[in-house]
N, C-alpha and C. Protein backbone atom coordinates (compact mmCIF):
# COMPACT_ATOMS: atom_id res chain seq x y z
N MET A 1 -102.73 -110.27 -106.64
CA MET A 1 -104.14 -110.10 -106.33
C MET A 1 -104.66 -111.26 -105.49
N LYS A 2 -104.24 -112.48 -105.85
CA LYS A 2 -104.68 -113.67 -105.11
C LYS A 2 -104.21 -113.61 -103.67
N LYS A 3 -102.98 -113.09 -103.49
CA LYS A 3 -102.40 -113.01 -102.15
C LYS A 3 -103.24 -112.07 -101.26
N ILE A 4 -103.66 -110.94 -101.85
CA ILE A 4 -104.48 -109.97 -101.10
C ILE A 4 -105.82 -110.60 -100.71
N ALA A 5 -106.41 -111.33 -101.66
CA ALA A 5 -107.69 -111.99 -101.40
C ALA A 5 -107.56 -113.03 -100.29
N LEU A 6 -106.46 -113.78 -100.31
CA LEU A 6 -106.21 -114.80 -99.29
C LEU A 6 -106.07 -114.16 -97.91
N ILE A 7 -105.33 -113.05 -97.85
CA ILE A 7 -105.15 -112.34 -96.58
C ILE A 7 -106.49 -111.85 -96.05
N ALA A 8 -107.33 -111.34 -96.95
CA ALA A 8 -108.65 -110.84 -96.55
C ALA A 8 -109.50 -111.97 -95.98
N VAL A 9 -109.45 -113.15 -96.64
CA VAL A 9 -110.21 -114.31 -96.16
C VAL A 9 -109.72 -114.74 -94.78
N LEU A 10 -108.41 -114.78 -94.61
CA LEU A 10 -107.83 -115.18 -93.32
C LEU A 10 -108.22 -114.20 -92.21
N MET A 11 -108.27 -112.91 -92.54
CA MET A 11 -108.66 -111.90 -91.55
C MET A 11 -110.12 -112.09 -91.12
N VAL A 12 -110.98 -112.40 -92.08
CA VAL A 12 -112.39 -112.65 -91.78
C VAL A 12 -112.53 -113.87 -90.88
N ILE A 13 -111.79 -114.94 -91.22
CA ILE A 13 -111.82 -116.16 -90.41
C ILE A 13 -111.36 -115.87 -88.98
N ALA A 14 -110.30 -115.08 -88.84
CA ALA A 14 -109.77 -114.74 -87.52
C ALA A 14 -110.79 -113.94 -86.72
N GLN A 15 -111.50 -113.00 -87.39
CA GLN A 15 -112.51 -112.19 -86.71
C GLN A 15 -113.69 -113.05 -86.26
N VAL A 16 -114.12 -113.97 -87.13
CA VAL A 16 -115.23 -114.86 -86.78
C VAL A 16 -114.84 -115.75 -85.62
N SER A 17 -113.62 -116.28 -85.66
CA SER A 17 -113.13 -117.15 -84.59
C SER A 17 -113.09 -116.40 -83.26
N PHE A 18 -112.64 -115.13 -83.30
CA PHE A 18 -112.57 -114.31 -82.08
C PHE A 18 -113.97 -114.08 -81.52
N ALA A 19 -114.93 -113.77 -82.42
CA ALA A 19 -116.30 -113.51 -81.98
C ALA A 19 -116.94 -114.76 -81.39
N GLN A 20 -116.60 -115.92 -81.96
CA GLN A 20 -117.19 -117.17 -81.49
C GLN A 20 -116.73 -117.52 -80.07
N LYS A 21 -115.56 -117.05 -79.72
CA LYS A 21 -115.03 -117.34 -78.39
C LYS A 21 -115.78 -116.58 -77.30
N LYS A 22 -116.45 -115.49 -77.69
CA LYS A 22 -117.17 -114.69 -76.71
C LYS A 22 -118.50 -115.35 -76.37
N GLU A 23 -118.82 -115.35 -75.09
CA GLU A 23 -120.02 -116.04 -74.61
C GLU A 23 -120.85 -115.07 -73.76
N LYS A 24 -122.11 -114.87 -74.14
CA LYS A 24 -123.01 -114.03 -73.35
C LYS A 24 -123.46 -114.84 -72.13
N LEU A 25 -123.10 -114.39 -70.94
CA LEU A 25 -123.49 -115.12 -69.74
C LEU A 25 -124.91 -114.77 -69.29
N PHE A 26 -125.40 -113.60 -69.72
CA PHE A 26 -126.75 -113.18 -69.36
C PHE A 26 -127.52 -112.87 -70.64
N ASN A 27 -128.67 -113.54 -70.82
CA ASN A 27 -129.40 -113.42 -72.09
C ASN A 27 -130.42 -112.28 -72.11
N GLY A 28 -130.57 -111.55 -71.00
CA GLY A 28 -131.50 -110.43 -70.96
C GLY A 28 -132.95 -110.83 -70.75
N LYS A 29 -133.20 -112.14 -70.60
CA LYS A 29 -134.59 -112.63 -70.46
C LYS A 29 -134.84 -113.36 -69.15
N ASP A 30 -133.89 -114.22 -68.78
CA ASP A 30 -134.06 -115.01 -67.56
C ASP A 30 -132.70 -115.37 -66.99
N LEU A 31 -132.68 -116.22 -65.98
CA LEU A 31 -131.43 -116.57 -65.29
C LEU A 31 -130.86 -117.91 -65.76
N SER A 32 -131.12 -118.26 -67.02
CA SER A 32 -130.57 -119.50 -67.58
C SER A 32 -129.04 -119.48 -67.47
N GLY A 33 -128.49 -120.62 -67.01
CA GLY A 33 -127.04 -120.74 -66.88
C GLY A 33 -126.50 -120.27 -65.54
N TRP A 34 -127.41 -119.82 -64.67
CA TRP A 34 -127.00 -119.29 -63.37
C TRP A 34 -127.68 -120.07 -62.23
N ILE A 35 -127.07 -120.02 -61.05
CA ILE A 35 -127.62 -120.65 -59.85
C ILE A 35 -127.70 -119.59 -58.75
N ILE A 36 -128.86 -119.50 -58.08
CA ILE A 36 -129.01 -118.55 -56.96
C ILE A 36 -128.59 -119.23 -55.66
N TYR A 37 -127.77 -118.55 -54.88
CA TYR A 37 -127.35 -119.02 -53.56
C TYR A 37 -127.86 -118.02 -52.52
N GLY A 38 -128.63 -118.51 -51.53
CA GLY A 38 -129.15 -117.63 -50.50
C GLY A 38 -130.56 -117.17 -50.82
N THR A 39 -131.07 -116.26 -49.99
CA THR A 39 -132.46 -115.82 -50.09
C THR A 39 -132.59 -114.39 -50.62
N GLU A 40 -131.49 -113.77 -51.00
CA GLU A 40 -131.58 -112.41 -51.55
C GLU A 40 -132.16 -112.47 -52.96
N LYS A 41 -132.55 -111.33 -53.49
CA LYS A 41 -133.32 -111.29 -54.74
C LYS A 41 -132.42 -111.14 -55.98
N TRP A 42 -132.68 -111.99 -56.97
CA TRP A 42 -132.05 -111.92 -58.29
C TRP A 42 -133.15 -112.09 -59.32
N TYR A 43 -133.34 -111.11 -60.16
CA TYR A 43 -134.42 -111.20 -61.14
C TYR A 43 -134.10 -110.35 -62.37
N VAL A 44 -134.88 -110.54 -63.43
CA VAL A 44 -134.69 -109.81 -64.68
C VAL A 44 -135.84 -108.81 -64.84
N GLU A 45 -135.48 -107.56 -65.14
CA GLU A 45 -136.48 -106.51 -65.32
C GLU A 45 -136.03 -105.59 -66.46
N ASP A 46 -136.88 -105.46 -67.47
CA ASP A 46 -136.58 -104.60 -68.63
C ASP A 46 -135.23 -104.95 -69.27
N GLY A 47 -134.94 -106.24 -69.35
CA GLY A 47 -133.70 -106.70 -69.98
C GLY A 47 -132.46 -106.57 -69.12
N LEU A 48 -132.63 -106.15 -67.87
CA LEU A 48 -131.51 -105.98 -66.94
C LEU A 48 -131.54 -107.05 -65.86
N LEU A 49 -130.37 -107.46 -65.42
CA LEU A 49 -130.26 -108.35 -64.27
C LEU A 49 -130.21 -107.48 -63.02
N VAL A 50 -131.12 -107.75 -62.08
CA VAL A 50 -131.20 -106.94 -60.88
C VAL A 50 -130.84 -107.79 -59.66
N SER A 51 -129.95 -107.26 -58.83
CA SER A 51 -129.63 -107.90 -57.55
C SER A 51 -130.07 -106.94 -56.45
N GLU A 52 -130.81 -107.50 -55.48
CA GLU A 52 -131.41 -106.65 -54.46
C GLU A 52 -131.47 -107.39 -53.13
N SER A 53 -131.21 -106.65 -52.07
CA SER A 53 -131.32 -107.24 -50.73
C SER A 53 -132.74 -107.72 -50.47
N GLY A 54 -132.86 -108.88 -49.82
CA GLY A 54 -134.15 -109.43 -49.43
C GLY A 54 -134.41 -109.18 -47.96
N PRO A 55 -135.48 -109.76 -47.43
CA PRO A 55 -135.84 -109.53 -46.02
C PRO A 55 -134.81 -110.06 -45.02
N ASP A 56 -134.03 -111.06 -45.44
CA ASP A 56 -133.04 -111.63 -44.52
C ASP A 56 -131.79 -110.75 -44.40
N LYS A 57 -131.61 -109.83 -45.35
CA LYS A 57 -130.45 -108.91 -45.34
C LYS A 57 -129.12 -109.66 -45.18
N GLY A 58 -129.03 -110.81 -45.83
CA GLY A 58 -127.83 -111.62 -45.74
C GLY A 58 -126.99 -111.55 -46.99
N TYR A 59 -125.96 -112.38 -47.03
CA TYR A 59 -125.17 -112.50 -48.26
C TYR A 59 -125.97 -113.29 -49.29
N GLY A 60 -125.82 -112.91 -50.55
CA GLY A 60 -126.45 -113.65 -51.64
C GLY A 60 -125.51 -113.70 -52.83
N TYR A 61 -125.62 -114.77 -53.60
CA TYR A 61 -124.75 -114.94 -54.77
C TYR A 61 -125.54 -115.48 -55.96
N LEU A 62 -125.12 -115.08 -57.13
CA LEU A 62 -125.63 -115.64 -58.37
C LEU A 62 -124.42 -116.16 -59.12
N GLY A 63 -124.34 -117.49 -59.27
CA GLY A 63 -123.14 -118.10 -59.83
C GLY A 63 -123.40 -118.80 -61.16
N THR A 64 -122.39 -118.84 -62.00
CA THR A 64 -122.51 -119.55 -63.27
C THR A 64 -122.54 -121.05 -63.01
N GLU A 65 -123.31 -121.77 -63.83
CA GLU A 65 -123.32 -123.23 -63.73
C GLU A 65 -121.97 -123.80 -64.16
N GLU A 66 -121.31 -123.12 -65.07
CA GLU A 66 -120.04 -123.59 -65.61
C GLU A 66 -118.87 -122.96 -64.86
N ASN A 67 -117.78 -123.70 -64.74
CA ASN A 67 -116.54 -123.17 -64.18
C ASN A 67 -115.70 -122.55 -65.29
N TYR A 68 -114.93 -121.53 -64.92
CA TYR A 68 -114.07 -120.85 -65.89
C TYR A 68 -112.69 -120.66 -65.29
N GLN A 69 -111.67 -121.04 -66.03
CA GLN A 69 -110.30 -120.97 -65.54
C GLN A 69 -109.61 -119.68 -65.98
N ASP A 70 -109.18 -119.63 -67.24
CA ASP A 70 -108.56 -118.42 -67.78
C ASP A 70 -109.56 -117.74 -68.69
N PHE A 71 -109.83 -116.46 -68.44
CA PHE A 71 -110.88 -115.78 -69.20
C PHE A 71 -110.76 -114.26 -69.06
N GLU A 72 -111.50 -113.61 -69.92
CA GLU A 72 -111.68 -112.16 -69.86
C GLU A 72 -113.18 -111.93 -69.78
N ILE A 73 -113.63 -111.22 -68.77
CA ILE A 73 -115.06 -110.93 -68.65
C ILE A 73 -115.28 -109.42 -68.68
N GLU A 74 -116.29 -109.02 -69.43
CA GLU A 74 -116.69 -107.62 -69.48
C GLU A 74 -118.15 -107.54 -69.07
N LEU A 75 -118.49 -106.53 -68.30
CA LEU A 75 -119.88 -106.34 -67.87
C LEU A 75 -120.09 -104.88 -67.53
N GLU A 76 -121.36 -104.52 -67.38
CA GLU A 76 -121.71 -103.18 -66.96
C GLU A 76 -122.57 -103.28 -65.69
N PHE A 77 -122.34 -102.35 -64.77
CA PHE A 77 -123.13 -102.33 -63.53
C PHE A 77 -123.54 -100.90 -63.20
N LYS A 78 -124.68 -100.80 -62.53
CA LYS A 78 -125.17 -99.51 -62.03
C LYS A 78 -125.65 -99.72 -60.61
N GLN A 79 -125.16 -98.90 -59.70
CA GLN A 79 -125.46 -99.06 -58.28
C GLN A 79 -126.56 -98.10 -57.83
N GLU A 80 -127.47 -98.63 -57.03
CA GLU A 80 -128.46 -97.81 -56.34
C GLU A 80 -128.29 -98.06 -54.86
N ALA A 81 -128.68 -97.10 -54.05
CA ALA A 81 -128.58 -97.24 -52.60
C ALA A 81 -127.13 -97.56 -52.22
N ASN A 82 -126.92 -98.58 -51.40
CA ASN A 82 -125.57 -98.91 -50.93
C ASN A 82 -124.71 -99.42 -52.08
N GLY A 83 -125.21 -100.36 -52.84
CA GLY A 83 -124.49 -100.85 -54.02
C GLY A 83 -123.30 -101.73 -53.74
N ASN A 84 -123.13 -102.23 -52.51
CA ASN A 84 -121.97 -103.06 -52.20
C ASN A 84 -122.14 -104.45 -52.78
N SER A 85 -121.26 -104.79 -53.73
CA SER A 85 -121.38 -106.05 -54.45
C SER A 85 -119.98 -106.48 -54.88
N GLY A 86 -119.93 -107.36 -55.87
CA GLY A 86 -118.64 -107.80 -56.37
C GLY A 86 -118.79 -108.88 -57.42
N VAL A 87 -117.69 -109.11 -58.13
CA VAL A 87 -117.63 -110.17 -59.13
C VAL A 87 -116.56 -111.16 -58.67
N PHE A 88 -116.99 -112.40 -58.40
CA PHE A 88 -116.06 -113.43 -57.93
C PHE A 88 -115.52 -114.24 -59.09
N ILE A 89 -114.27 -114.64 -58.99
CA ILE A 89 -113.61 -115.45 -60.02
C ILE A 89 -113.15 -116.77 -59.41
N ARG A 90 -113.19 -117.84 -60.21
CA ARG A 90 -112.72 -119.17 -59.76
C ARG A 90 -113.22 -119.48 -58.35
N SER A 91 -114.51 -119.30 -58.15
CA SER A 91 -115.08 -119.40 -56.80
C SER A 91 -116.17 -120.46 -56.71
N THR A 92 -116.35 -120.99 -55.50
CA THR A 92 -117.39 -121.97 -55.21
C THR A 92 -118.19 -121.48 -54.00
N VAL A 93 -119.43 -121.99 -53.88
CA VAL A 93 -120.30 -121.58 -52.78
C VAL A 93 -120.87 -122.81 -52.08
N ASP A 94 -120.88 -122.76 -50.75
CA ASP A 94 -121.54 -123.78 -49.94
C ASP A 94 -122.55 -123.05 -49.06
N GLY A 95 -123.85 -123.17 -49.39
CA GLY A 95 -124.87 -122.36 -48.72
C GLY A 95 -124.74 -120.93 -49.18
N THR A 96 -124.22 -120.07 -48.30
CA THR A 96 -123.85 -118.71 -48.72
C THR A 96 -122.41 -118.40 -48.29
N LYS A 97 -121.64 -119.46 -48.04
CA LYS A 97 -120.23 -119.27 -47.72
C LYS A 97 -119.42 -119.49 -49.00
N VAL A 98 -118.75 -118.45 -49.44
CA VAL A 98 -118.04 -118.49 -50.71
C VAL A 98 -116.55 -118.70 -50.48
N SER A 99 -115.95 -119.51 -51.35
CA SER A 99 -114.49 -119.68 -51.34
C SER A 99 -113.97 -119.17 -52.67
N GLY A 100 -113.15 -118.13 -52.61
CA GLY A 100 -112.61 -117.57 -53.84
C GLY A 100 -112.22 -116.12 -53.70
N TRP A 101 -112.21 -115.42 -54.84
CA TRP A 101 -111.67 -114.07 -54.89
C TRP A 101 -112.67 -113.13 -55.54
N GLN A 102 -112.85 -112.00 -54.88
CA GLN A 102 -113.82 -111.01 -55.33
C GLN A 102 -113.11 -109.79 -55.89
N VAL A 103 -113.56 -109.37 -57.08
CA VAL A 103 -113.18 -108.05 -57.58
C VAL A 103 -114.30 -107.12 -57.12
N GLU A 104 -113.95 -106.19 -56.26
CA GLU A 104 -114.92 -105.37 -55.54
C GLU A 104 -115.74 -104.47 -56.44
N VAL A 105 -117.04 -104.40 -56.16
CA VAL A 105 -117.95 -103.40 -56.73
C VAL A 105 -118.59 -102.73 -55.53
N ALA A 106 -118.32 -101.46 -55.33
CA ALA A 106 -118.75 -100.81 -54.09
C ALA A 106 -118.97 -99.31 -54.32
N PRO A 107 -119.60 -98.62 -53.35
CA PRO A 107 -119.78 -97.17 -53.45
C PRO A 107 -118.43 -96.44 -53.48
N PRO A 108 -118.44 -95.17 -53.85
CA PRO A 108 -117.19 -94.39 -53.90
C PRO A 108 -116.41 -94.47 -52.58
N GLY A 109 -115.11 -94.56 -52.71
CA GLY A 109 -114.24 -94.62 -51.54
C GLY A 109 -114.13 -95.98 -50.89
N SER A 110 -114.68 -97.01 -51.57
CA SER A 110 -114.68 -98.35 -50.97
C SER A 110 -113.97 -99.39 -51.84
N ASP A 111 -113.00 -98.94 -52.63
CA ASP A 111 -112.03 -99.82 -53.31
C ASP A 111 -112.59 -100.67 -54.44
N THR A 112 -113.52 -100.12 -55.23
CA THR A 112 -113.99 -100.83 -56.41
C THR A 112 -112.80 -101.19 -57.31
N GLY A 113 -112.79 -102.45 -57.75
CA GLY A 113 -111.70 -102.94 -58.59
C GLY A 113 -110.60 -103.65 -57.83
N GLY A 114 -110.61 -103.52 -56.50
CA GLY A 114 -109.64 -104.23 -55.67
C GLY A 114 -109.98 -105.71 -55.56
N ILE A 115 -109.05 -106.51 -55.04
CA ILE A 115 -109.26 -107.95 -54.94
C ILE A 115 -109.28 -108.38 -53.47
N TYR A 116 -110.35 -109.09 -53.11
CA TYR A 116 -110.57 -109.52 -51.73
C TYR A 116 -110.75 -111.03 -51.70
N GLU A 117 -110.06 -111.69 -50.79
CA GLU A 117 -110.20 -113.14 -50.63
C GLU A 117 -111.14 -113.42 -49.46
N SER A 118 -112.32 -113.98 -49.78
CA SER A 118 -113.33 -114.25 -48.74
C SER A 118 -112.94 -115.46 -47.89
N TYR A 119 -113.22 -115.34 -46.60
CA TYR A 119 -112.92 -116.41 -45.63
C TYR A 119 -111.47 -116.88 -45.76
N GLY A 120 -110.58 -115.91 -45.97
CA GLY A 120 -109.17 -116.23 -46.11
C GLY A 120 -108.31 -115.06 -45.68
N ARG A 121 -107.54 -114.52 -46.59
CA ARG A 121 -106.58 -113.48 -46.27
C ARG A 121 -107.15 -112.07 -46.31
N GLY A 122 -108.43 -111.93 -46.70
CA GLY A 122 -109.02 -110.59 -46.76
C GLY A 122 -108.51 -109.82 -47.98
N TRP A 123 -108.29 -108.54 -47.80
CA TRP A 123 -107.83 -107.71 -48.91
C TRP A 123 -106.44 -108.14 -49.38
N LEU A 124 -106.31 -108.43 -50.67
CA LEU A 124 -105.01 -108.77 -51.24
C LEU A 124 -104.38 -107.54 -51.89
N ILE A 125 -105.23 -106.70 -52.50
CA ILE A 125 -104.73 -105.47 -53.10
C ILE A 125 -105.90 -104.51 -53.29
N LYS A 126 -105.65 -103.24 -52.99
CA LYS A 126 -106.63 -102.18 -53.21
C LYS A 126 -106.09 -101.21 -54.26
N PRO A 127 -106.98 -100.62 -55.05
CA PRO A 127 -106.50 -99.65 -56.04
C PRO A 127 -105.98 -98.39 -55.36
N ASP A 128 -105.15 -97.66 -56.07
CA ASP A 128 -104.74 -96.34 -55.63
C ASP A 128 -106.01 -95.49 -55.44
N PRO A 129 -106.15 -94.80 -54.31
CA PRO A 129 -107.36 -94.00 -54.06
C PRO A 129 -107.71 -93.03 -55.19
N GLU A 130 -106.70 -92.52 -55.89
CA GLU A 130 -106.94 -91.59 -56.99
C GLU A 130 -107.78 -92.23 -58.10
N LYS A 131 -107.64 -93.54 -58.25
CA LYS A 131 -108.35 -94.24 -59.33
C LYS A 131 -109.84 -94.36 -59.07
N ASP A 132 -110.25 -94.08 -57.84
CA ASP A 132 -111.66 -94.17 -57.50
C ASP A 132 -112.51 -93.19 -58.32
N LYS A 133 -111.87 -92.17 -58.88
CA LYS A 133 -112.57 -91.19 -59.71
C LYS A 133 -113.16 -91.82 -60.97
N ALA A 134 -112.65 -93.00 -61.34
CA ALA A 134 -113.16 -93.69 -62.54
C ALA A 134 -114.59 -94.18 -62.34
N LEU A 135 -115.00 -94.40 -61.08
CA LEU A 135 -116.33 -94.93 -60.77
C LEU A 135 -117.39 -93.84 -60.89
N LYS A 136 -118.48 -94.16 -61.59
CA LYS A 136 -119.61 -93.24 -61.73
C LYS A 136 -120.78 -93.80 -60.93
N PHE A 137 -120.90 -93.38 -59.68
CA PHE A 137 -121.95 -93.91 -58.82
C PHE A 137 -123.32 -93.45 -59.31
N GLY A 138 -124.28 -94.39 -59.37
CA GLY A 138 -125.62 -94.07 -59.84
C GLY A 138 -125.76 -94.06 -61.34
N ASP A 139 -124.68 -94.35 -62.06
CA ASP A 139 -124.69 -94.41 -63.52
C ASP A 139 -124.07 -95.74 -63.95
N TRP A 140 -124.15 -96.03 -65.24
CA TRP A 140 -123.56 -97.28 -65.74
C TRP A 140 -122.04 -97.21 -65.77
N ASN A 141 -121.41 -98.28 -65.33
CA ASN A 141 -119.95 -98.42 -65.33
C ASN A 141 -119.58 -99.69 -66.09
N LYS A 142 -118.47 -99.63 -66.82
CA LYS A 142 -117.96 -100.81 -67.51
C LYS A 142 -116.82 -101.39 -66.70
N MET A 143 -116.90 -102.69 -66.42
CA MET A 143 -115.82 -103.39 -65.72
C MET A 143 -115.28 -104.49 -66.61
N LYS A 144 -113.97 -104.62 -66.63
CA LYS A 144 -113.32 -105.73 -67.34
C LYS A 144 -112.36 -106.40 -66.36
N ILE A 145 -112.40 -107.73 -66.34
CA ILE A 145 -111.50 -108.51 -65.49
C ILE A 145 -110.81 -109.54 -66.37
N VAL A 146 -109.49 -109.57 -66.32
CA VAL A 146 -108.72 -110.55 -67.09
C VAL A 146 -108.05 -111.49 -66.09
N VAL A 147 -108.35 -112.78 -66.21
CA VAL A 147 -107.81 -113.80 -65.31
C VAL A 147 -107.01 -114.78 -66.15
N GLU A 148 -105.72 -114.84 -65.91
CA GLU A 148 -104.86 -115.74 -66.70
C GLU A 148 -103.75 -116.27 -65.81
N GLY A 149 -103.75 -117.58 -65.62
CA GLY A 149 -102.75 -118.18 -64.73
C GLY A 149 -102.94 -117.64 -63.32
N ASP A 150 -101.87 -117.09 -62.75
CA ASP A 150 -101.97 -116.55 -61.38
C ASP A 150 -102.18 -115.04 -61.36
N ASN A 151 -102.49 -114.47 -62.54
CA ASN A 151 -102.61 -113.01 -62.64
C ASN A 151 -104.05 -112.56 -62.85
N VAL A 152 -104.42 -111.49 -62.16
CA VAL A 152 -105.74 -110.87 -62.32
C VAL A 152 -105.53 -109.37 -62.54
N THR A 153 -106.17 -108.84 -63.58
CA THR A 153 -106.14 -107.40 -63.85
C THR A 153 -107.58 -106.91 -63.94
N SER A 154 -107.88 -105.82 -63.26
CA SER A 154 -109.23 -105.27 -63.29
C SER A 154 -109.22 -103.86 -63.86
N TYR A 155 -110.29 -103.53 -64.57
CA TYR A 155 -110.45 -102.21 -65.18
C TYR A 155 -111.85 -101.69 -64.87
N VAL A 156 -111.98 -100.40 -64.62
CA VAL A 156 -113.27 -99.75 -64.48
C VAL A 156 -113.30 -98.55 -65.42
N ASN A 157 -114.24 -98.57 -66.35
CA ASN A 157 -114.37 -97.51 -67.34
C ASN A 157 -113.04 -97.20 -68.04
N GLY A 158 -112.32 -98.27 -68.39
CA GLY A 158 -111.08 -98.15 -69.15
C GLY A 158 -109.84 -97.86 -68.32
N VAL A 159 -110.01 -97.65 -67.02
CA VAL A 159 -108.88 -97.37 -66.12
C VAL A 159 -108.43 -98.66 -65.45
N GLU A 160 -107.15 -99.00 -65.57
CA GLU A 160 -106.64 -100.18 -64.88
C GLU A 160 -106.63 -99.91 -63.39
N MET A 161 -107.38 -100.72 -62.63
CA MET A 161 -107.47 -100.52 -61.18
C MET A 161 -106.36 -101.26 -60.45
N VAL A 162 -106.21 -102.58 -60.73
CA VAL A 162 -105.12 -103.35 -60.12
C VAL A 162 -104.61 -104.39 -61.12
N ASN A 163 -103.36 -104.77 -60.93
CA ASN A 163 -102.76 -105.89 -61.65
C ASN A 163 -102.03 -106.69 -60.59
N PHE A 164 -102.48 -107.92 -60.36
CA PHE A 164 -102.02 -108.66 -59.19
C PHE A 164 -101.77 -110.12 -59.53
N SER A 165 -100.63 -110.64 -59.09
CA SER A 165 -100.30 -112.05 -59.29
C SER A 165 -100.21 -112.74 -57.94
N ASP A 166 -100.76 -113.98 -57.88
CA ASP A 166 -100.82 -114.69 -56.61
C ASP A 166 -100.90 -116.19 -56.88
N GLU A 167 -100.02 -116.94 -56.25
CA GLU A 167 -99.95 -118.39 -56.48
C GLU A 167 -101.25 -119.09 -56.11
N LYS A 168 -101.90 -118.67 -55.03
CA LYS A 168 -103.14 -119.30 -54.58
C LYS A 168 -104.28 -119.08 -55.59
N ILE A 169 -104.36 -117.88 -56.14
CA ILE A 169 -105.36 -117.62 -57.18
C ILE A 169 -105.09 -118.51 -58.39
N GLY A 170 -103.81 -118.69 -58.70
CA GLY A 170 -103.43 -119.53 -59.83
C GLY A 170 -103.90 -120.97 -59.68
N GLN A 171 -104.05 -121.42 -58.45
CA GLN A 171 -104.50 -122.79 -58.19
C GLN A 171 -106.02 -122.90 -58.05
N GLY A 172 -106.71 -121.76 -58.06
CA GLY A 172 -108.15 -121.74 -57.83
C GLY A 172 -108.96 -122.35 -58.96
N LYS A 173 -110.10 -122.94 -58.60
CA LYS A 173 -111.02 -123.51 -59.58
C LYS A 173 -112.44 -123.16 -59.16
N GLY A 174 -113.27 -122.81 -60.15
CA GLY A 174 -114.66 -122.49 -59.83
C GLY A 174 -115.28 -121.61 -60.89
N GLY A 175 -116.43 -121.05 -60.55
CA GLY A 175 -117.19 -120.26 -61.50
C GLY A 175 -117.07 -118.77 -61.25
N VAL A 176 -117.87 -118.03 -62.02
CA VAL A 176 -118.01 -116.58 -61.85
C VAL A 176 -119.27 -116.35 -61.02
N LEU A 177 -119.19 -115.49 -60.01
CA LEU A 177 -120.34 -115.19 -59.18
C LEU A 177 -120.51 -113.68 -59.01
N LEU A 178 -121.75 -113.25 -58.95
CA LEU A 178 -122.08 -111.89 -58.55
C LEU A 178 -122.56 -111.94 -57.12
N GLN A 179 -122.28 -110.88 -56.36
CA GLN A 179 -122.59 -110.89 -54.92
C GLN A 179 -123.55 -109.79 -54.52
N ILE A 180 -124.38 -110.10 -53.52
CA ILE A 180 -125.05 -109.08 -52.71
C ILE A 180 -124.42 -109.16 -51.33
N HIS A 181 -123.88 -108.05 -50.86
CA HIS A 181 -123.29 -108.01 -49.51
C HIS A 181 -124.40 -108.06 -48.47
N ASP A 182 -124.06 -108.48 -47.26
CA ASP A 182 -125.07 -108.49 -46.21
C ASP A 182 -125.32 -107.07 -45.69
N GLY A 183 -126.34 -106.92 -44.88
CA GLY A 183 -126.64 -105.62 -44.28
C GLY A 183 -127.91 -104.97 -44.79
N GLY A 184 -128.39 -105.41 -45.96
CA GLY A 184 -129.63 -104.86 -46.50
C GLY A 184 -129.44 -103.54 -47.24
N GLY A 185 -130.50 -103.12 -47.93
CA GLY A 185 -130.49 -101.82 -48.61
C GLY A 185 -129.64 -101.75 -49.85
N ILE A 186 -129.31 -102.91 -50.44
CA ILE A 186 -128.42 -102.94 -51.61
C ILE A 186 -129.23 -103.22 -52.87
N LYS A 187 -128.90 -102.50 -53.93
CA LYS A 187 -129.52 -102.76 -55.23
C LYS A 187 -128.51 -102.41 -56.32
N VAL A 188 -128.24 -103.40 -57.16
CA VAL A 188 -127.29 -103.21 -58.27
C VAL A 188 -127.90 -103.81 -59.53
N TYR A 189 -127.78 -103.06 -60.63
CA TYR A 189 -128.22 -103.53 -61.93
C TYR A 189 -127.01 -103.99 -62.74
N TRP A 190 -127.21 -105.03 -63.55
CA TRP A 190 -126.14 -105.59 -64.39
C TRP A 190 -126.65 -105.77 -65.82
N ARG A 191 -125.75 -105.64 -66.79
CA ARG A 191 -126.10 -105.91 -68.18
C ARG A 191 -124.84 -106.20 -68.99
N ASN A 192 -125.05 -106.72 -70.20
CA ASN A 192 -123.94 -106.97 -71.14
C ASN A 192 -122.79 -107.76 -70.49
N ILE A 193 -123.14 -108.91 -69.90
CA ILE A 193 -122.13 -109.74 -69.25
C ILE A 193 -121.60 -110.74 -70.29
N VAL A 194 -120.38 -110.49 -70.74
CA VAL A 194 -119.79 -111.27 -71.83
C VAL A 194 -118.44 -111.83 -71.40
N LEU A 195 -118.24 -113.12 -71.62
CA LEU A 195 -116.99 -113.78 -71.23
C LEU A 195 -116.30 -114.40 -72.43
N LYS A 196 -114.99 -114.27 -72.46
CA LYS A 196 -114.19 -114.89 -73.51
C LYS A 196 -113.14 -115.77 -72.86
N LYS A 197 -113.15 -117.06 -73.14
CA LYS A 197 -112.14 -117.96 -72.60
C LYS A 197 -110.79 -117.68 -73.26
N LEU A 198 -109.74 -117.76 -72.45
CA LEU A 198 -108.38 -117.51 -72.96
C LEU A 198 -107.61 -118.83 -73.06
C-alpha cells in the first residue's frame, strides 16, 4: 500500500513539475514581455493579440524580451484578409531587419508550417502541398513548433508539416518573434501562446 501511495505522490510531483515548465508568453491583457519592432500595429483586443498592417505597410515584428534556445511553443492563430505572417525562432531584429528562421503562417497554398531563413538562404523546406489542407483559413488554427538542437518540427492542427535539421539553426541564438509581412492589408489574431523550455 505504501508503495502505491509513493508512486501516486511521485506522479503528482512530475505533473506539477511539467506544468511549471510551461510559460504563458501572452497574458491576454497587454504586451508585457514583448518588444514592438517597426511601425505596424500590435495591440490587445477582447483578450486576443492582434497584428495588423499600419499606414507604412512595412515589415513589423513583436519579439520576446527573453531569448529561448531549446523549446516547444504552442499557439493559436486566425487569419483575416491576407494573413501573411510567421513565427520566428532563435531570431534577432535590428530596426525591422530580422536575422533568424521563420515558421510560415500564410494563406492557403503559401506553405504554412514551412521554414524560411530571412536575409539568408530563403526557403529551407516547404511542406508537402497535400498538407495544406490542415490549415483552416478564417478560423482558429493550432500551431506547435519544437526546437531542439539543430532540429525544428512544425505542426498545424495536429498534422506534422515539416521536420528539418540544420547546423546553422543549431548555432542560432535569439528570441521568439511574430511577424507582419510587408505589403499592407494583413490582419492576424493570436491567443494561447505557451512555451515550454526543453
